Structures are given as structure tokens and as C-alpha cells.
Amino acid sequence: MSGDSKVYRAENIEAFLTSAFIALNVPEADAKSVAGLMVRADLYGYDTHGTFRLRQYVNRLRDGGTNPNANITTPVERGASAVVDGDNGLGHLAMQRATELAIEKATGGGIGWVGVRNGNHAGPASLYVNMAVERDMIGIVAAVGSANHVAPFGGQDLLLGTNPIAIAVPAGEAPPFVLDMATSNAAAGKIKVLAQRGEPMPEGWMIDREGNPMTDPNRQGEGLLLPIGGAKGYGLAMAIGLLAGTLNGAAFGDDVVNFTKDTTSPTNTGQFVAAISVEAFGDVAVFKSAVDGVLATMRGSTPLAGHDPVRIPGQLRGDIHKDRNLNGIPLHPNLVDTLSKIAQELSIPELAG
């Protein structure tokens, strides 16, 4: 948390977000659903994918790029699989529907895999894998990024997004294992946050087209985000694009629309949600106890000299959630200023503290 950030109550942020969406002709029930998911992202510390994203959502709703009255349908469905069409609405709505359907299918058949097309940016993938974990299921979610910031390994053309993937596994006494990562060294949202705060990027996140390191986040559009692990990260981003985009009839490669720069065109963003029922493989309690043991073993690994104790992916999110539920959500002053401008534009009340 930045030292000059102010803390706001979660319910006040949710009410503000809901009002903003309603002012842009989003039905009240949909507005509340999306606002609730955005605040949940903030509560778990995904500050780049919660309230911070309101400016982009508002611009697209205002300019016609996103449909405020989406009619979400399921045009393709088989026993364990389906495709949800988001009708170019707010992305959280299609992903929530897809997750619910994947869980329903896994409840009956052990596994459910649901793709999304005609979606939009939907916040952190962890939102949706956690829904599966809450039902004693393993969740897997991946998405085609909402803009291309990465070149194919060895190339210069921006043809890949940060293409995130999340995997969550339920545990017993321990917090669940939750991996949520971009296939680039940094998520684009983190760079946007640094630009908003006037802070530099670490070396290794981006290079210019001559291969030189970039540290100015305001120059993001001039360079290339680097994939994790070089060619391996590029390959993983490609695989996600084919599964979350091409398989569903969604955009991938040079079809991807930059949802920040182009606020008038449909993005046809693609995602997928997979839910795997632990019960279909054996006793749930036994599995969760075994996961606890594995996680304890990993945490018990002797740290290297000068390193903190080993952590499990997602381990700190629970602590952040408890703290922010109790004490509120910190918002940087520059973000608060942006929210104030949105309130003036939409003629809605300012965010209450």
C-alpha cells in the first residue's frame, strides 16, 4: 500500500461502481454483479484488475465499444462442454455465467469446460477459479489478453497478449493453492498502475525495438513486453490463445482489439473456464488433507541465504482479504482523482470514504 493512499470501505466502492454502470445504461442487476466482482478483486489485492479498471470500462460503454444490455447465450453445448456468447457485454458477466455452467457440468460429470466468445476484459482470472475452489473443485481459467503487448519469440510484431492463466486447488486447513499469472514478465495492468503513480518499471519487464531495457511506463506503447522464460513463455501464450480464443471463435493474434485505445469496436475477447470435481477422483477430505501436507512440505523448505521463507502461490491473499475487509481498501490518490472525474462526467455522487 502506498503511504499516501486513502482507505475506502468496500461497500462504498461497490455502490459507486454500481452507480457508474447504471448511469451508462447497464441494468441494475448486471451493474451490481460486475461491481461486486471488481471489489472482490480489490479485497484480495488484485489492485490492477479491480476498481482501477473502471476508466476503461466507462470509456468503452460510453463510446459504444461495449454493449450495456448484453443478452448472454449458450449457442454450443455438449455433455461436458459449452461455449458462452457474451454479446459484447461487460466481461465479468460472461465469465460468471461460464464459471457457473462449468461447475454445474463438473458436479454431474466430473469435469466441465466452457469457452467464452464475444466477451470483454473480466478482471483477474483468480475470481473465477476461486468460485470452483469454494465448491471443492479444481479451477483452471485462461484468457486472450485485451491488447497485444508481446511479440512472438525472436520477432517484433505485437501479436500476443499477456494471456493470463490461473489454477486453483482446494486445501483443508491451509489456504487453497491459487496460481494467477501472466505469460509475460509483468501484466500490462501493473505497468498502467506505475504510470498512474509516476513510478518507474523494473528492468526486465519491457524492451524497445532495438532490444534495450525500458523503465518508463509511459512509453509502454513503444516497446515489447517480454514473455516469461523466453521461448517457453511465448509457447504458453500461444497455447492459451488457441484454447481460449481460436477454439471458441474468439479473437487471437492480429484480430485482437486493443480495448484501451479502441473504445468503439467489439473486442470478441475469448476465455475458458474448466472445473474439475475432486469428488470424481476420490474422497474430498483425503485429497484436501494430502494437499495440506504438500503445501506444508513446500513451506518448510530451507530458505536460501538472504531469502524470505518459502511461500505458496496465493498464500498471502487470504491475509490481504481479512485486512481489507476489516480496515478498507487502499486507493492511490491518482485513482481517486480519476474516479472523481468519472463521477462528474456521469453526474453521479462522488465516492464516499
Protein backbone atom coordinates (compact mmCIF):
# COMPACT_ATOMS: atom_id res chain seq x y z
CA MET A 1 0.00 0.00 0.00
CA SER A 2 1.35 3.39 -0.96
CA GLY A 3 1.90 5.65 2.04
CA ASP A 4 -0.38 8.36 0.68
CA SER A 5 -3.23 6.04 -0.32
CA LYS A 6 -6.58 6.60 1.35
CA VAL A 7 -8.67 3.70 2.60
CA TYR A 8 -12.30 3.25 1.49
CA ARG A 9 -14.98 0.87 2.68
CA ALA A 10 -15.69 -1.95 0.25
CA GLU A 11 -19.44 -1.32 0.26
CA ASN A 12 -18.91 2.33 -0.65
CA ILE A 13 -16.68 1.43 -3.58
CA GLU A 14 -19.20 -1.17 -4.74
CA ALA A 15 -22.04 1.36 -4.54
CA PHE A 16 -20.02 3.89 -6.53
CA LEU A 17 -19.13 1.37 -9.25
CA THR A 18 -22.75 0.23 -9.45
CA SER A 19 -23.92 3.83 -9.88
CA ALA A 20 -21.40 4.42 -12.66
CA PHE A 21 -22.58 1.39 -14.63
CA ILE A 22 -26.26 2.22 -14.14
CA ALA A 23 -25.55 5.75 -15.42
CA LEU A 24 -24.23 4.11 -18.59
CA ASN A 25 -27.45 2.12 -19.08
CA VAL A 26 -26.27 -1.18 -17.63
CA PRO A 27 -29.23 -2.95 -15.97
CA GLU A 28 -29.10 -2.69 -12.19
CA ALA A 29 -28.66 -6.43 -11.57
CA ASP A 30 -25.76 -6.61 -14.03
CA ALA A 31 -24.22 -3.43 -12.63
CA LYS A 32 -24.28 -4.89 -9.12
CA SER A 33 -22.77 -8.20 -10.29
CA VAL A 34 -19.84 -6.55 -12.06
CA ALA A 35 -19.24 -4.04 -9.25
CA GLY A 36 -19.22 -6.86 -6.70
CA LEU A 37 -16.62 -8.82 -8.66
CA MET A 38 -14.44 -5.74 -9.15
CA VAL A 39 -14.47 -5.04 -5.41
CA ARG A 40 -13.73 -8.68 -4.67
CA ALA A 41 -10.61 -8.31 -6.84
CA ASP A 42 -9.58 -5.29 -4.74
CA LEU A 43 -10.27 -7.11 -1.48
CA TYR A 44 -7.85 -9.86 -2.48
CA GLY A 45 -5.16 -7.37 -3.51
CA TYR A 46 -5.52 -7.53 -7.30
CA ASP A 47 -5.31 -3.74 -7.46
CA THR A 48 -4.56 -3.66 -11.19
CA HIS A 49 -7.77 -5.53 -12.05
CA GLY A 50 -10.46 -4.11 -9.79
CA THR A 51 -11.64 -0.51 -9.36
CA PHE A 52 -8.57 0.64 -11.30
CA ARG A 53 -10.21 -0.68 -14.49
CA LEU A 54 -13.35 1.46 -14.23
CA ARG A 55 -11.93 4.18 -16.52
CA GLN A 56 -11.52 1.67 -19.36
CA TYR A 57 -14.96 0.13 -18.85
CA VAL A 58 -16.61 3.56 -18.75
CA ASN A 59 -14.88 4.69 -21.93
CA ARG A 60 -15.99 1.61 -23.85
CA LEU A 61 -19.59 1.76 -22.59
CA ARG A 62 -19.73 5.49 -23.35
CA ASP A 63 -18.30 5.15 -26.86
CA GLY A 64 -20.26 2.08 -27.92
CA GLY A 65 -17.43 -0.48 -27.79
CA THR A 66 -19.19 -2.47 -25.05
CA ASN A 67 -22.86 -3.42 -25.06
CA PRO A 68 -24.57 -2.29 -21.81
CA ASN A 69 -27.59 -4.58 -22.33
CA ALA A 70 -25.89 -7.86 -23.17
CA ASN A 71 -28.02 -10.96 -23.78
CA ILE A 72 -25.67 -13.78 -22.78
CA THR A 73 -26.42 -17.08 -24.51
CA THR A 74 -25.02 -20.60 -24.82
CA PRO A 75 -25.04 -21.30 -28.59
CA VAL A 76 -22.97 -24.51 -28.35
CA GLU A 77 -23.35 -27.18 -25.67
CA ARG A 78 -22.42 -30.83 -25.25
CA GLY A 79 -22.27 -33.09 -22.21
CA ALA A 80 -19.17 -31.69 -20.51
CA SER A 81 -18.53 -28.65 -22.68
CA ALA A 82 -20.15 -25.46 -23.91
CA VAL A 83 -19.48 -22.07 -25.44
CA VAL A 84 -20.94 -18.95 -23.86
CA ASP A 85 -21.52 -15.89 -26.07
CA GLY A 86 -21.11 -12.69 -24.07
CA ASP A 87 -22.89 -10.48 -26.63
CA ASN A 88 -20.07 -7.93 -26.24
CA GLY A 89 -21.25 -7.07 -22.71
CA LEU A 90 -19.12 -6.41 -19.65
CA GLY A 91 -16.72 -9.32 -19.49
CA HIS A 92 -17.44 -10.28 -15.88
CA LEU A 93 -20.99 -11.25 -16.81
CA ALA A 94 -19.99 -13.80 -19.45
CA MET A 95 -17.22 -15.22 -17.27
CA GLN A 96 -19.52 -15.56 -14.28
CA ARG A 97 -22.04 -17.41 -16.44
CA ALA A 98 -19.31 -19.63 -17.90
CA THR A 99 -17.95 -20.47 -14.46
CA GLU A 100 -21.37 -21.36 -13.09
CA LEU A 101 -22.00 -23.60 -16.09
CA ALA A 102 -18.60 -25.31 -15.82
CA ILE A 103 -19.24 -26.03 -12.13
CA GLU A 104 -22.70 -27.37 -12.93
CA LYS A 105 -21.27 -29.73 -15.54
CA ALA A 106 -18.48 -30.87 -13.23
CA THR A 107 -21.00 -31.57 -10.47
CA GLY A 108 -22.77 -34.06 -12.70
CA GLY A 109 -19.97 -35.45 -14.84
CA GLY A 110 -16.73 -34.78 -13.01
CA ILE A 111 -15.46 -32.07 -15.36
CA GLY A 112 -16.82 -29.04 -17.15
CA TRP A 113 -15.05 -26.94 -19.80
CA VAL A 114 -16.76 -23.78 -21.02
CA GLY A 115 -15.33 -21.35 -23.55
CA VAL A 116 -16.32 -17.70 -23.98
CA ARG A 117 -16.53 -15.64 -27.15
CA ASN A 118 -17.72 -12.06 -27.68
CA GLY A 119 -16.55 -11.30 -24.17
CA ASN A 120 -14.52 -8.43 -22.74
CA HIS A 121 -11.94 -7.81 -20.03
CA ALA A 122 -13.21 -9.61 -16.92
CA GLY A 123 -10.82 -8.80 -14.10
CA PRO A 124 -8.34 -11.28 -12.59
CA ALA A 125 -8.71 -14.93 -13.52
CA SER A 126 -8.49 -15.81 -9.83
CA LEU A 127 -12.05 -14.53 -9.35
CA TYR A 128 -13.36 -17.48 -11.31
CA VAL A 129 -11.04 -20.28 -10.20
CA ASN A 130 -11.88 -19.36 -6.61
CA MET A 131 -15.56 -19.99 -7.37
CA ALA A 132 -14.61 -23.56 -8.26
CA VAL A 133 -12.47 -23.99 -5.14
CA GLU A 134 -15.41 -22.92 -2.98
CA ARG A 135 -17.26 -25.95 -4.37
CA ASP A 136 -14.37 -28.35 -3.64
CA MET A 137 -13.31 -28.30 -7.27
CA ILE A 138 -10.10 -27.51 -9.09
CA GLY A 139 -10.46 -24.45 -11.30
CA ILE A 140 -8.50 -23.54 -14.41
CA VAL A 141 -9.08 -20.26 -16.26
CA ALA A 142 -7.18 -18.67 -19.14
CA ALA A 143 -7.81 -15.71 -21.40
CA VAL A 144 -6.59 -13.96 -24.51
CA GLY A 145 -5.24 -10.61 -23.34
CA SER A 146 -7.28 -7.50 -24.09
CA ALA A 147 -4.46 -5.96 -26.13
CA ASN A 148 -1.32 -7.26 -27.83
CA HIS A 149 1.83 -6.22 -25.97
CA VAL A 150 4.08 -9.22 -26.70
CA ALA A 151 5.87 -10.29 -29.87
CA PRO A 152 6.48 -13.89 -30.92
CA PHE A 153 9.84 -15.04 -29.58
CA GLY A 154 12.50 -13.54 -31.87
CA GLY A 155 10.02 -11.23 -33.62
CA GLN A 156 9.00 -7.58 -33.40
CA ASP A 157 5.29 -7.60 -34.28
CA LEU A 158 2.84 -7.32 -31.38
CA LEU A 159 0.73 -10.43 -31.93
CA LEU A 160 0.26 -11.78 -28.40
CA GLY A 161 -1.32 -10.51 -25.22
CA THR A 162 -0.22 -11.16 -21.66
CA ASN A 163 -2.57 -14.18 -21.93
CA PRO A 164 -3.06 -14.98 -18.23
CA ILE A 165 -3.73 -18.38 -16.69
CA ALA A 166 -4.97 -19.26 -13.21
CA ILE A 167 -5.15 -22.63 -11.47
CA ALA A 168 -6.68 -23.13 -8.03
CA VAL A 169 -6.67 -26.30 -5.92
CA PRO A 170 -8.67 -26.65 -2.69
CA ALA A 171 -6.88 -27.49 0.54
CA GLY A 172 -8.05 -28.45 4.02
CA GLU A 173 -6.74 -26.32 6.88
CA ALA A 174 -4.34 -24.40 4.64
CA PRO A 175 -5.43 -21.65 2.23
CA PRO A 176 -6.05 -23.01 -1.27
CA PHE A 177 -3.27 -23.11 -3.84
CA VAL A 178 -4.02 -20.25 -6.26
CA LEU A 179 -1.66 -19.57 -9.15
CA ASP A 180 -2.66 -16.50 -11.16
CA MET A 181 -0.05 -15.28 -13.62
CA ALA A 182 0.50 -13.57 -16.91
CA THR A 183 2.62 -15.29 -19.55
CA SER A 184 4.68 -12.10 -19.77
CA ASN A 185 7.18 -10.95 -17.13
CA ALA A 186 4.64 -8.38 -15.98
CA ALA A 187 0.95 -7.87 -16.54
CA ALA A 188 0.08 -4.82 -18.61
CA GLY A 189 -2.13 -3.59 -15.78
CA LYS A 190 0.86 -3.32 -13.46
CA ILE A 191 2.55 -1.00 -15.95
CA LYS A 192 -0.58 1.14 -16.19
CA VAL A 193 -0.63 1.44 -12.40
CA LEU A 194 3.03 2.52 -12.32
CA ALA A 195 2.29 5.14 -14.99
CA GLN A 196 -0.65 6.44 -12.98
CA ARG A 197 1.50 6.65 -9.86
CA GLY A 198 4.52 8.18 -11.61
CA GLU A 199 6.78 5.26 -10.70
CA PRO A 200 9.37 3.52 -12.95
CA MET A 201 9.25 -0.05 -14.24
CA PRO A 202 11.90 -2.55 -13.15
CA GLU A 203 14.35 -3.61 -15.86
CA GLY A 204 13.37 -6.88 -17.48
CA TRP A 205 9.69 -6.08 -17.99
CA MET A 206 9.95 -4.38 -21.38
CA ILE A 207 12.44 -3.71 -24.16
CA ASP A 208 12.39 -1.28 -27.06
CA ARG A 209 12.62 -2.48 -30.67
CA GLU A 210 16.40 -2.39 -30.53
CA GLY A 211 16.39 -4.71 -27.53
CA ASN A 212 17.25 -2.06 -24.93
CA PRO A 213 15.60 -2.17 -21.48
CA MET A 214 12.71 0.25 -20.88
CA THR A 215 11.84 1.64 -17.46
CA ASP A 216 9.42 4.47 -18.30
CA PRO A 217 5.86 3.06 -18.03
CA ASN A 218 4.52 5.98 -20.07
CA ARG A 219 6.42 4.60 -23.08
CA GLN A 220 4.63 1.25 -22.94
CA GLY A 221 3.21 1.69 -26.43
CA GLU A 222 6.70 1.99 -27.90
CA GLY A 223 8.10 -1.34 -26.75
CA LEU A 224 7.55 -5.05 -26.21
CA LEU A 225 6.58 -6.87 -23.05
CA LEU A 226 8.89 -9.85 -22.53
CA PRO A 227 7.44 -13.36 -22.17
CA ILE A 228 8.30 -15.39 -19.09
CA GLY A 229 11.10 -17.85 -19.75
CA GLY A 230 11.79 -16.60 -23.26
CA ALA A 231 10.57 -19.06 -25.88
CA LYS A 232 8.72 -21.13 -23.25
CA GLY A 233 6.53 -18.19 -22.24
CA TYR A 234 5.85 -17.44 -25.88
CA GLY A 235 4.79 -21.04 -26.44
CA LEU A 236 2.49 -20.99 -23.41
CA ALA A 237 0.90 -17.73 -24.55
CA MET A 238 0.30 -19.29 -27.98
CA ALA A 239 -1.32 -22.38 -26.43
CA ILE A 240 -3.63 -20.23 -24.30
CA GLY A 241 -4.57 -18.13 -27.31
CA LEU A 242 -5.55 -21.21 -29.31
CA LEU A 243 -7.59 -22.71 -26.46
CA ALA A 244 -9.22 -19.53 -25.13
CA GLY A 245 -9.52 -17.70 -28.44
CA THR A 246 -9.44 -19.74 -31.63
CA LEU A 247 -11.29 -22.76 -30.23
CA ASN A 248 -14.23 -20.55 -29.18
CA GLY A 249 -14.39 -18.45 -32.34
CA ALA A 250 -12.86 -15.51 -30.44
CA ALA A 251 -10.06 -13.16 -31.44
CA PHE A 252 -6.39 -14.15 -31.33
CA GLY A 253 -3.27 -12.77 -32.98
CA ASP A 254 -3.77 -9.82 -35.32
CA ASP A 255 -7.57 -9.94 -34.74
CA VAL A 256 -7.20 -8.73 -31.13
CA VAL A 257 -8.59 -5.23 -30.49
CA ASN A 258 -6.75 -3.00 -28.01
CA PHE A 259 -9.64 -2.30 -25.65
CA THR A 260 -7.96 0.78 -24.18
CA LYS A 261 -7.03 2.55 -27.41
CA ASP A 262 -10.10 1.46 -29.41
CA THR A 263 -13.23 2.21 -27.40
CA THR A 264 -15.73 1.78 -30.24
CA SER A 265 -15.05 -1.70 -31.68
CA PRO A 266 -16.20 -5.02 -30.21
CA THR A 267 -13.20 -6.95 -28.89
CA ASN A 268 -14.54 -10.53 -29.19
CA THR A 269 -12.36 -11.44 -26.21
CA GLY A 270 -12.01 -15.17 -25.57
CA GLN A 271 -11.59 -17.06 -22.30
CA PHE A 272 -12.16 -20.55 -20.98
CA VAL A 273 -13.14 -21.96 -17.59
CA ALA A 274 -12.53 -25.56 -16.58
CA ALA A 275 -13.89 -27.06 -13.35
CA ILE A 276 -12.73 -30.47 -12.12
CA SER A 277 -14.65 -32.19 -9.32
CA VAL A 278 -12.32 -33.61 -6.69
CA GLU A 279 -15.10 -36.00 -5.66
CA ALA A 280 -14.96 -37.62 -9.11
CA PHE A 281 -11.42 -38.81 -8.28
CA GLY A 282 -11.82 -39.89 -4.66
CA ASP A 283 -12.61 -38.78 -1.13
CA VAL A 284 -12.58 -34.98 -0.90
CA ALA A 285 -11.39 -34.83 2.71
CA VAL A 286 -8.50 -37.20 2.00
CA PHE A 287 -7.43 -35.15 -1.02
CA LYS A 288 -7.57 -31.84 0.85
CA SER A 289 -5.56 -33.30 3.72
CA ALA A 290 -2.96 -34.54 1.23
CA VAL A 291 -2.80 -31.06 -0.34
CA ASP A 292 -2.23 -29.62 3.14
CA GLY A 293 0.73 -31.96 3.52
CA VAL A 294 2.25 -30.99 0.18
CA LEU A 295 1.86 -27.29 0.92
CA ALA A 296 3.41 -27.71 4.38
CA THR A 297 6.38 -29.52 2.84
CA MET A 298 6.93 -26.72 0.36
CA ARG A 299 6.67 -24.02 3.04
CA GLY A 300 9.10 -25.99 5.19
CA SER A 301 11.85 -25.90 2.59
CA THR A 302 15.00 -24.30 3.99
CA PRO A 303 15.29 -20.78 2.53
CA LEU A 304 18.34 -19.78 0.57
CA ALA A 305 20.65 -17.34 2.34
CA GLY A 306 19.11 -13.88 2.29
CA HIS A 307 15.68 -15.10 1.10
CA ASP A 308 12.36 -14.95 2.91
CA PRO A 309 10.65 -18.21 3.90
CA VAL A 310 9.09 -20.15 1.01
CA ARG A 311 5.53 -19.10 0.20
CA ILE A 312 2.75 -20.92 -1.63
CA PRO A 313 1.05 -19.17 -4.58
CA GLY A 314 -2.00 -17.38 -3.19
CA GLN A 315 -0.83 -17.72 0.41
CA LEU A 316 -0.90 -14.00 1.20
CA ARG A 317 -4.23 -13.26 -0.50
CA GLY A 318 -6.21 -14.51 2.48
CA ASP A 319 -4.37 -12.15 4.82
CA ILE A 320 -4.93 -9.24 2.46
CA HIS A 321 -8.62 -10.12 2.23
CA LYS A 322 -9.03 -10.20 6.02
CA ASP A 323 -7.22 -6.89 6.45
CA ARG A 324 -9.16 -5.08 3.73
CA ASN A 325 -12.49 -6.49 4.86
CA LEU A 326 -11.76 -5.11 8.30
CA ASN A 327 -9.92 -1.88 7.54
CA GLY A 328 -10.97 -0.97 3.99
CA ILE A 329 -9.41 -0.90 0.53
CA PRO A 330 -6.49 1.49 -0.16
CA LEU A 331 -6.83 3.60 -3.32
CA HIS A 332 -3.98 5.71 -4.68
CA PRO A 333 -4.75 9.47 -4.87
CA ASN A 334 -4.38 9.46 -8.66
CA LEU A 335 -7.00 6.72 -8.92
CA VAL A 336 -9.31 8.62 -6.57
CA ASP A 337 -8.89 11.65 -8.81
CA THR A 338 -9.85 9.55 -11.83
CA LEU A 339 -12.95 8.28 -10.01
CA SER A 340 -13.88 11.86 -9.16
CA LYS A 341 -13.67 12.86 -12.83
CA ILE A 342 -15.85 9.88 -13.75
CA ALA A 343 -18.42 10.96 -11.17
CA GLN A 344 -18.52 14.43 -12.71
CA GLU A 345 -18.81 13.03 -16.25
CA LEU A 346 -21.68 10.74 -15.31
CA SER A 347 -23.38 13.14 -12.86
CA ILE A 348 -23.29 10.63 -10.01
CA PRO A 349 -22.27 11.18 -6.35
CA GLU A 350 -18.57 11.11 -5.55
CA LEU A 351 -17.05 8.04 -3.91
CA ALA A 352 -17.74 8.14 -0.17
CA GLY A 353 -14.96 7.31 2.27
